[in-house]
Every structure is written in structure tokens, then in C-alpha cells.
Amino acid sequence: MITQWVDESVLAKGKEIYLKIKDQLEPTHNGKIVAIDVDSGEYFVGDTLLEANDKAREKYLNKQLYFARIGTDVAMAIRVW
């Protein structure tokens, strides 16, 4: 298994952005995955992590993204290698 470390600031910034947009997302996207570009604040919703990632990567190919399952406390950040 390959482990990539992510800057803690990415996690903090991603969570901060998610908390600002969660009220917009939860009513219609509960249980789906959101990918957030922490620099721009732009986000992409998918039914799966792969779908959200693919949508985000179309625009932000080489960026660190924050992922969260909408409506839960589960989150992660993925670093591009």
C-alpha cells in the first residue's frame, strides 16, 4: 500500500469550506461524495468518490482535493503524486 501524506492545512481548509456549503448540499445530495478544491473553493458532487474525483480532475488536474461524504463526518484529502 502506498501512503501519501497530506498537509494538515488542506484538511482544515477543506473542512472549513465544507461547513460553509453543507446546508446547500445536504438536502439534495445527502450520502453522495463532494470533492473540494481547497484553493478555489469550487466543489464537485458524485455518487462515488471516483465520480466526484473525475469531475474535479477535469478542471483541477494537479491539485490536492478534500473529499467528504455529504451529511456525515467522514472526510479525507488526497494528494496528487
PDB file of N, CA and C in Angstrom:
ATOM      1  N   MET A   1       0.842  -1.181   0.000  1.00  0.00           N
ATOM      2  CA  MET A   1       0.000   0.000   0.000  1.00  0.00           C
ATOM      3  C   MET A   1       0.886   1.243   0.000  1.00  0.00           C
ATOM      4  N   ILE A   2       0.525   2.228  -0.798  1.00  0.00           N
ATOM      5  CA  ILE A   2       1.245   3.494  -0.856  1.00  0.00           C
ATOM      6  C   ILE A   2       0.483   4.510  -0.018  1.00  0.00           C
ATOM      7  N   THR A   3       1.184   5.166   0.865  1.00  0.00           N
ATOM      8  CA  THR A   3       0.547   6.189   1.697  1.00  0.00           C
ATOM      9  C   THR A   3       1.114   7.544   1.307  1.00  0.00           C
ATOM     10  N   GLN A   4       0.255   8.467   1.035  1.00  0.00           N
ATOM     11  CA  GLN A   4       0.657   9.835   0.723  1.00  0.00           C
ATOM     12  C   GLN A   4       0.226  10.732   1.868  1.00  0.00           C
ATOM     13  N   TRP A   5       1.124  11.505   2.411  1.00  0.00           N
ATOM     14  CA  TRP A   5       0.785  12.430   3.491  1.00  0.00           C
ATOM     15  C   TRP A   5       0.241  13.709   2.903  1.00  0.00           C
ATOM     16  N   VAL A   6      -0.731  14.241   3.560  1.00  0.00           N
ATOM     17  CA  VAL A   6      -1.380  15.469   3.120  1.00  0.00           C
ATOM     18  C   VAL A   6      -1.144  16.525   4.173  1.00  0.00           C
ATOM     19  N   ASP A   7      -0.868  17.724   3.744  1.00  0.00           N
ATOM     20  CA  ASP A   7      -0.685  18.843   4.648  1.00  0.00           C
ATOM     21  C   ASP A   7      -1.953  19.027   5.488  1.00  0.00           C
ATOM     22  N   GLU A   8      -1.794  19.128   6.778  1.00  0.00           N
ATOM     23  CA  GLU A   8      -2.940  19.304   7.678  1.00  0.00           C
ATOM     24  C   GLU A   8      -3.755  20.546   7.321  1.00  0.00           C
ATOM     25  N   SER A   9      -3.107  21.537   6.720  1.00  0.00           N
ATOM     26  CA  SER A   9      -3.839  22.757   6.347  1.00  0.00           C
ATOM     27  C   SER A   9      -4.871  22.462   5.255  1.00  0.00           C
ATOM     28  N   VAL A  10      -4.606  21.461   4.406  1.00  0.00           N
ATOM     29  CA  VAL A  10      -5.571  21.066   3.372  1.00  0.00           C
ATOM     30  C   VAL A  10      -6.822  20.492   4.038  1.00  0.00           C
ATOM     31  N   LEU A  11      -6.615  19.652   5.036  1.00  0.00           N
ATOM     32  CA  LEU A  11      -7.754  19.081   5.755  1.00  0.00           C
ATOM     33  C   LEU A  11      -8.554  20.172   6.456  1.00  0.00           C
ATOM     34  N   ALA A  12      -7.856  21.087   7.120  1.00  0.00           N
ATOM     35  CA  ALA A  12      -8.548  22.159   7.842  1.00  0.00           C
ATOM     36  C   ALA A  12      -9.310  23.065   6.891  1.00  0.00           C
ATOM     37  N   LYS A  13      -8.680  23.450   5.796  1.00  0.00           N
ATOM     38  CA  LYS A  13      -9.328  24.332   4.818  1.00  0.00           C
ATOM     39  C   LYS A  13     -10.514  23.630   4.161  1.00  0.00           C
ATOM     40  N   GLY A  14     -10.347  22.358   3.813  1.00  0.00           N
ATOM     41  CA  GLY A  14     -11.438  21.596   3.201  1.00  0.00           C
ATOM     42  C   GLY A  14     -12.635  21.491   4.125  1.00  0.00           C
ATOM     43  N   LYS A  15     -12.379  21.207   5.387  1.00  0.00           N
ATOM     44  CA  LYS A  15     -13.466  21.108   6.355  1.00  0.00           C
ATOM     45  C   LYS A  15     -14.163  22.457   6.525  1.00  0.00           C
ATOM     46  N   GLU A  16     -13.381  23.518   6.564  1.00  0.00           N
ATOM     47  CA  GLU A  16     -13.946  24.872   6.682  1.00  0.00           C
ATOM     48  C   GLU A  16     -14.869  25.184   5.505  1.00  0.00           C
ATOM     49  N   ILE A  17     -14.435  24.867   4.304  1.00  0.00           N
ATOM     50  CA  ILE A  17     -15.257  25.107   3.109  1.00  0.00           C
ATOM     51  C   ILE A  17     -16.504  24.240   3.158  1.00  0.00           C
ATOM     52  N   TYR A  18     -16.325  22.959   3.505  1.00  0.00           N
ATOM     53  CA  TYR A  18     -17.483  22.053   3.557  1.00  0.00           C
ATOM     54  C   TYR A  18     -18.539  22.577   4.536  1.00  0.00           C
ATOM     55  N   LEU A  19     -18.111  23.040   5.690  1.00  0.00           N
ATOM     56  CA  LEU A  19     -19.070  23.537   6.682  1.00  0.00           C
ATOM     57  C   LEU A  19     -19.849  24.746   6.159  1.00  0.00           C
ATOM     58  N   LYS A  20     -19.222  25.528   5.285  1.00  0.00           N
ATOM     59  CA  LYS A  20     -19.896  26.693   4.699  1.00  0.00           C
ATOM     60  C   LYS A  20     -20.938  26.296   3.649  1.00  0.00           C
ATOM     61  N   ILE A  21     -20.720  25.178   2.952  1.00  0.00           N
ATOM     62  CA  ILE A  21     -21.610  24.793   1.850  1.00  0.00           C
ATOM     63  C   ILE A  21     -22.531  23.629   2.193  1.00  0.00           C
ATOM     64  N   LYS A  22     -22.364  23.024   3.360  1.00  0.00           N
ATOM     65  CA  LYS A  22     -23.112  21.806   3.658  1.00  0.00           C
ATOM     66  C   LYS A  22     -24.620  22.005   3.669  1.00  0.00           C
ATOM     67  N   ASP A  23     -25.087  23.171   4.082  1.00  0.00           N
ATOM     68  CA  ASP A  23     -26.531  23.413   4.087  1.00  0.00           C
ATOM     69  C   ASP A  23     -27.111  23.441   2.676  1.00  0.00           C
ATOM     70  N   GLN A  24     -26.292  23.807   1.696  1.00  0.00           N
ATOM     71  CA  GLN A  24     -26.723  23.782   0.296  1.00  0.00           C
ATOM     72  C   GLN A  24     -26.724  22.351  -0.245  1.00  0.00           C
ATOM     73  N   LEU A  25     -25.775  21.536   0.220  1.00  0.00           N
ATOM     74  CA  LEU A  25     -25.585  20.196  -0.323  1.00  0.00           C
ATOM     75  C   LEU A  25     -26.490  19.136   0.303  1.00  0.00           C
ATOM     76  N   GLU A  26     -26.664  19.189   1.617  1.00  0.00           N
ATOM     77  CA  GLU A  26     -27.324  18.094   2.318  1.00  0.00           C
ATOM     78  C   GLU A  26     -28.770  17.818   1.897  1.00  0.00           C
ATOM     79  N   PRO A  27     -29.579  18.826   1.627  1.00  0.00           N
ATOM     80  CA  PRO A  27     -30.970  18.493   1.281  1.00  0.00           C
ATOM     81  C   PRO A  27     -31.127  17.627   0.024  1.00  0.00           C
ATOM     82  N   THR A  28     -30.269  17.811  -0.965  1.00  0.00           N
ATOM     83  CA  THR A  28     -30.448  17.087  -2.227  1.00  0.00           C
ATOM     84  C   THR A  28     -29.347  16.074  -2.529  1.00  0.00           C
ATOM     85  N   HIS A  29     -28.214  16.143  -1.824  1.00  0.00           N
ATOM     86  CA  HIS A  29     -27.073  15.270  -2.140  1.00  0.00           C
ATOM     87  C   HIS A  29     -26.634  14.415  -0.951  1.00  0.00           C
ATOM     88  N   ASN A  30     -27.474  14.254   0.044  1.00  0.00           N
ATOM     89  CA  ASN A  30     -27.104  13.514   1.247  1.00  0.00           C
ATOM     90  C   ASN A  30     -26.621  12.104   0.894  1.00  0.00           C
ATOM     91  N   GLY A  31     -25.453  11.718   1.419  1.00  0.00           N
ATOM     92  CA  GLY A  31     -24.882  10.406   1.166  1.00  0.00           C
ATOM     93  C   GLY A  31     -23.948  10.354  -0.023  1.00  0.00           C
ATOM     94  N   LYS A  32     -23.946  11.374  -0.859  1.00  0.00           N
ATOM     95  CA  LYS A  32     -23.040  11.421  -2.011  1.00  0.00           C
ATOM     96  C   LYS A  32     -21.681  11.949  -1.563  1.00  0.00           C
ATOM     97  N   ILE A  33     -20.732  12.004  -2.479  1.00  0.00           N
ATOM     98  CA  ILE A  33     -19.375  12.459  -2.187  1.00  0.00           C
ATOM     99  C   ILE A  33     -19.156  13.831  -2.819  1.00  0.00           C
ATOM    100  N   VAL A  34     -18.535  14.725  -2.067  1.00  0.00           N
ATOM    101  CA  VAL A  34     -18.151  16.025  -2.597  1.00  0.00           C
ATOM    102  C   VAL A  34     -16.629  16.107  -2.626  1.00  0.00           C
ATOM    103  N   ALA A  35     -16.090  16.575  -3.742  1.00  0.00           N
ATOM    104  CA  ALA A  35     -14.660  16.847  -3.895  1.00  0.00           C
ATOM    105  C   ALA A  35     -14.506  18.359  -3.911  1.00  0.00           C
ATOM    106  N   ILE A  36     -13.652  18.883  -3.050  1.00  0.00           N
ATOM    107  CA  ILE A  36     -13.478  20.331  -2.931  1.00  0.00           C
ATOM    108  C   ILE A  36     -12.040  20.703  -3.256  1.00  0.00           C
ATOM    109  N   ASP A  37     -11.869  21.644  -4.184  1.00  0.00           N
ATOM    110  CA  ASP A  37     -10.555  22.237  -4.416  1.00  0.00           C
ATOM    111  C   ASP A  37     -10.370  23.294  -3.331  1.00  0.00           C
ATOM    112  N   VAL A  38      -9.414  23.084  -2.445  1.00  0.00           N
ATOM    113  CA  VAL A  38      -9.278  23.962  -1.286  1.00  0.00           C
ATOM    114  C   VAL A  38      -8.753  25.347  -1.629  1.00  0.00           C
ATOM    115  N   ASP A  39      -8.146  25.511  -2.797  1.00  0.00           N
ATOM    116  CA  ASP A  39      -7.660  26.834  -3.192  1.00  0.00           C
ATOM    117  C   ASP A  39      -8.778  27.718  -3.728  1.00  0.00           C
ATOM    118  N   SER A  40      -9.629  27.161  -4.569  1.00  0.00           N
ATOM    119  CA  SER A  40     -10.692  27.966  -5.192  1.00  0.00           C
ATOM    120  C   SER A  40     -12.012  27.878  -4.423  1.00  0.00           C
ATOM    121  N   GLY A  41     -12.210  26.791  -3.679  1.00  0.00           N
ATOM    122  CA  GLY A  41     -13.487  26.562  -3.007  1.00  0.00           C
ATOM    123  C   GLY A  41     -14.519  25.909  -3.902  1.00  0.00           C
ATOM    124  N   GLU A  42     -14.165  25.684  -5.151  1.00  0.00           N
ATOM    125  CA  GLU A  42     -15.103  25.042  -6.072  1.00  0.00           C
ATOM    126  C   GLU A  42     -15.265  23.573  -5.681  1.00  0.00           C
ATOM    127  N   TYR A  43     -16.474  23.059  -5.858  1.00  0.00           N
ATOM    128  CA  TYR A  43     -16.733  21.682  -5.459  1.00  0.00           C
ATOM    129  C   TYR A  43     -17.472  20.920  -6.541  1.00  0.00           C
ATOM    130  N   PHE A  44     -17.357  19.583  -6.447  1.00  0.00           N
ATOM    131  CA  PHE A  44     -17.911  18.673  -7.440  1.00  0.00           C
ATOM    132  C   PHE A  44     -18.555  17.511  -6.698  1.00  0.00           C
ATOM    133  N   VAL A  45     -19.793  17.178  -7.052  1.00  0.00           N
ATOM    134  CA  VAL A  45     -20.542  16.127  -6.361  1.00  0.00           C
ATOM    135  C   VAL A  45     -20.652  14.908  -7.262  1.00  0.00           C
ATOM    136  N   GLY A  46     -20.465  13.736  -6.662  1.00  0.00           N
ATOM    137  CA  GLY A  46     -20.625  12.480  -7.381  1.00  0.00           C
ATOM    138  C   GLY A  46     -21.283  11.437  -6.504  1.00  0.00           C
ATOM    139  N   ASP A  47     -21.812  10.413  -7.126  1.00  0.00           N
ATOM    140  CA  ASP A  47     -22.395   9.303  -6.365  1.00  0.00           C
ATOM    141  C   ASP A  47     -21.313   8.489  -5.660  1.00  0.00           C
ATOM    142  N   THR A  48     -20.109   8.491  -6.225  1.00  0.00           N
ATOM    143  CA  THR A  48     -18.981   7.759  -5.651  1.00  0.00           C
ATOM    144  C   THR A  48     -17.777   8.687  -5.562  1.00  0.00           C
ATOM    145  N   LEU A  49     -16.764   8.258  -4.802  1.00  0.00           N
ATOM    146  CA  LEU A  49     -15.534   9.034  -4.720  1.00  0.00           C
ATOM    147  C   LEU A  49     -14.905   9.158  -6.106  1.00  0.00           C
ATOM    148  N   LEU A  50     -14.909   8.087  -6.859  1.00  0.00           N
ATOM    149  CA  LEU A  50     -14.318   8.113  -8.200  1.00  0.00           C
ATOM    150  C   LEU A  50     -15.028   9.121  -9.099  1.00  0.00           C
ATOM    151  N   GLU A  51     -16.354   9.154  -9.053  1.00  0.00           N
ATOM    152  CA  GLU A  51     -17.098  10.091  -9.892  1.00  0.00           C
ATOM    153  C   GLU A  51     -16.810  11.544  -9.487  1.00  0.00           C
ATOM    154  N   ALA A  52     -16.803  11.835  -8.195  1.00  0.00           N
ATOM    155  CA  ALA A  52     -16.504  13.199  -7.730  1.00  0.00           C
ATOM    156  C   ALA A  52     -15.075  13.575  -8.109  1.00  0.00           C
ATOM    157  N   ASN A  53     -14.146  12.626  -7.942  1.00  0.00           N
ATOM    158  CA  ASN A  53     -12.752  12.867  -8.298  1.00  0.00           C
ATOM    159  C   ASN A  53     -12.614  13.157  -9.789  1.00  0.00           C
ATOM    160  N   ASP A  54     -13.251  12.343 -10.623  1.00  0.00           N
ATOM    161  CA  ASP A  54     -13.157  12.544 -12.075  1.00  0.00           C
ATOM    162  C   ASP A  54     -13.675  13.906 -12.486  1.00  0.00           C
ATOM    163  N   LYS A  55     -14.779  14.339 -11.904  1.00  0.00           N
ATOM    164  CA  LYS A  55     -15.328  15.660 -12.222  1.00  0.00           C
ATOM    165  C   LYS A  55     -14.348  16.760 -11.827  1.00  0.00           C
ATOM    166  N   ALA A  56     -13.760  16.636 -10.643  1.00  0.00           N
ATOM    167  CA  ALA A  56     -12.812  17.645 -10.168  1.00  0.00           C
ATOM    168  C   ALA A  56     -11.551  17.654 -11.018  1.00  0.00           C
ATOM    169  N   ARG A  57     -11.067  16.473 -11.393  1.00  0.00           N
ATOM    170  CA  ARG A  57      -9.817  16.366 -12.164  1.00  0.00           C
ATOM    171  C   ARG A  57      -9.961  16.912 -13.590  1.00  0.00           C
ATOM    172  N   GLU A  58     -11.184  16.982 -14.102  1.00  0.00           N
ATOM    173  CA  GLU A  58     -11.372  17.591 -15.421  1.00  0.00           C
ATOM    174  C   GLU A  58     -10.935  19.053 -15.393  1.00  0.00           C
ATOM    175  N   LYS A  59     -11.128  19.712 -14.272  1.00  0.00           N
ATOM    176  CA  LYS A  59     -10.780  21.129 -14.160  1.00  0.00           C
ATOM    177  C   LYS A  59      -9.484  21.346 -13.381  1.00  0.00           C
ATOM    178  N   TYR A  60      -9.265  20.560 -12.349  1.00  0.00           N
ATOM    179  CA  TYR A  60      -8.111  20.734 -11.467  1.00  0.00           C
ATOM    180  C   TYR A  60      -7.271  19.462 -11.471  1.00  0.00           C
ATOM    181  N   LEU A  61      -6.463  19.305 -12.492  1.00  0.00           N
ATOM    182  CA  LEU A  61      -5.721  18.068 -12.691  1.00  0.00           C
ATOM    183  C   LEU A  61      -4.679  17.802 -11.605  1.00  0.00           C
ATOM    184  N   ASN A  62      -3.931  18.791 -11.209  1.00  0.00           N
ATOM    185  CA  ASN A  62      -2.810  18.575 -10.293  1.00  0.00           C
ATOM    186  C   ASN A  62      -2.976  19.298  -8.963  1.00  0.00           C
ATOM    187  N   LYS A  63      -4.136  19.193  -8.376  1.00  0.00           N
ATOM    188  CA  LYS A  63      -4.398  19.875  -7.104  1.00  0.00           C
ATOM    189  C   LYS A  63      -4.717  18.860  -6.018  1.00  0.00           C
ATOM    190  N   GLN A  64      -4.490  19.275  -4.773  1.00  0.00           N
ATOM    191  CA  GLN A  64      -4.937  18.470  -3.650  1.00  0.00           C
ATOM    192  C   GLN A  64      -6.423  18.736  -3.454  1.00  0.00           C
ATOM    193  N   LEU A  65      -7.164  17.681  -3.238  1.00  0.00           N
ATOM    194  CA  LEU A  65      -8.603  17.803  -3.075  1.00  0.00           C
ATOM    195  C   LEU A  65      -9.013  17.285  -1.711  1.00  0.00           C
ATOM    196  N   TYR A  66     -10.069  17.847  -1.191  1.00  0.00           N
ATOM    197  CA  TYR A  66     -10.678  17.388   0.055  1.00  0.00           C
ATOM    198  C   TYR A  66     -11.965  16.679  -0.330  1.00  0.00           C
ATOM    199  N   PHE A  67     -12.188  15.501   0.229  1.00  0.00           N
ATOM    200  CA  PHE A  67     -13.385  14.722  -0.056  1.00  0.00           C
ATOM    201  C   PHE A  67     -14.173  14.512   1.221  1.00  0.00           C
ATOM    202  N   ALA A  68     -15.486  14.575   1.112  1.00  0.00           N
ATOM    203  CA  ALA A  68     -16.354  14.293   2.254  1.00  0.00           C
ATOM    204  C   ALA A  68     -17.605  13.581   1.764  1.00  0.00           C
ATOM    205  N   ARG A  69     -18.123  12.702   2.606  1.00  0.00           N
ATOM    206  CA  ARG A  69     -19.435  12.115   2.332  1.00  0.00           C
ATOM    207  C   ARG A  69     -20.452  13.090   2.893  1.00  0.00           C
ATOM    208  N   ILE A  70     -21.290  13.611   2.046  1.00  0.00           N
ATOM    209  CA  ILE A  70     -22.254  14.653   2.418  1.00  0.00           C
ATOM    210  C   ILE A  70     -23.225  14.119   3.459  1.00  0.00           C
ATOM    211  N   GLY A  71     -23.357  14.875   4.540  1.00  0.00           N
ATOM    212  CA  GLY A  71     -24.274  14.507   5.613  1.00  0.00           C
ATOM    213  C   GLY A  71     -23.659  13.646   6.695  1.00  0.00           C
ATOM    214  N   THR A  72     -22.342  13.367   6.591  1.00  0.00           N
ATOM    215  CA  THR A  72     -21.661  12.574   7.622  1.00  0.00           C
ATOM    216  C   THR A  72     -20.386  13.288   8.041  1.00  0.00           C
ATOM    217  N   ASP A  73     -19.684  12.709   8.995  1.00  0.00           N
ATOM    218  CA  ASP A  73     -18.416  13.268   9.444  1.00  0.00           C
ATOM    219  C   ASP A  73     -17.216  12.609   8.784  1.00  0.00           C
ATOM    220  N   VAL A  74     -17.444  11.789   7.759  1.00  0.00           N
ATOM    221  CA  VAL A  74     -16.363  11.083   7.084  1.00  0.00           C
ATOM    222  C   VAL A  74     -15.748  11.990   6.019  1.00  0.00           C
ATOM    223  N   ALA A  75     -14.429  12.159   6.090  1.00  0.00           N
ATOM    224  CA  ALA A  75     -13.742  13.023   5.131  1.00  0.00           C
ATOM    225  C   ALA A  75     -12.318  12.536   4.919  1.00  0.00           C
ATOM    226  N   MET A  76     -11.709  12.977   3.812  1.00  0.00           N
ATOM    227  CA  MET A  76     -10.313  12.673   3.546  1.00  0.00           C
ATOM    228  C   MET A  76      -9.778  13.674   2.543  1.00  0.00           C
ATOM    229  N   ALA A  77      -8.476  13.710   2.463  1.00  0.00           N
ATOM    230  CA  ALA A  77      -7.827  14.532   1.456  1.00  0.00           C
ATOM    231  C   ALA A  77      -6.890  13.624   0.665  1.00  0.00           C
ATOM    232  N   ILE A  78      -6.794  13.870  -0.611  1.00  0.00           N
ATOM    233  CA  ILE A  78      -5.930  13.064  -1.463  1.00  0.00           C
ATOM    234  C   ILE A  78      -4.927  13.979  -2.145  1.00  0.00           C
ATOM    235  N   ARG A  79      -3.686  13.573  -2.093  1.00  0.00           N
ATOM    236  CA  ARG A  79      -2.609  14.351  -2.712  1.00  0.00           C
ATOM    237  C   ARG A  79      -2.302  13.754  -4.082  1.00  0.00           C
ATOM    238  N   VAL A  80      -2.053  14.597  -5.016  1.00  0.00           N
ATOM    239  CA  VAL A  80      -1.636  14.141  -6.349  1.00  0.00           C
ATOM    240  C   VAL A  80      -0.165  13.766  -6.269  1.00  0.00           C
ATOM    241  N   TRP A  81       0.211  12.616  -6.815  1.00  0.00           N
ATOM    242  CA  TRP A  81       1.607  12.216  -6.791  1.00  0.00           C
ATOM    243  C   TRP A  81       2.229  12.267  -8.145  1.00  0.00           C
TER     244      TRP A  81
END
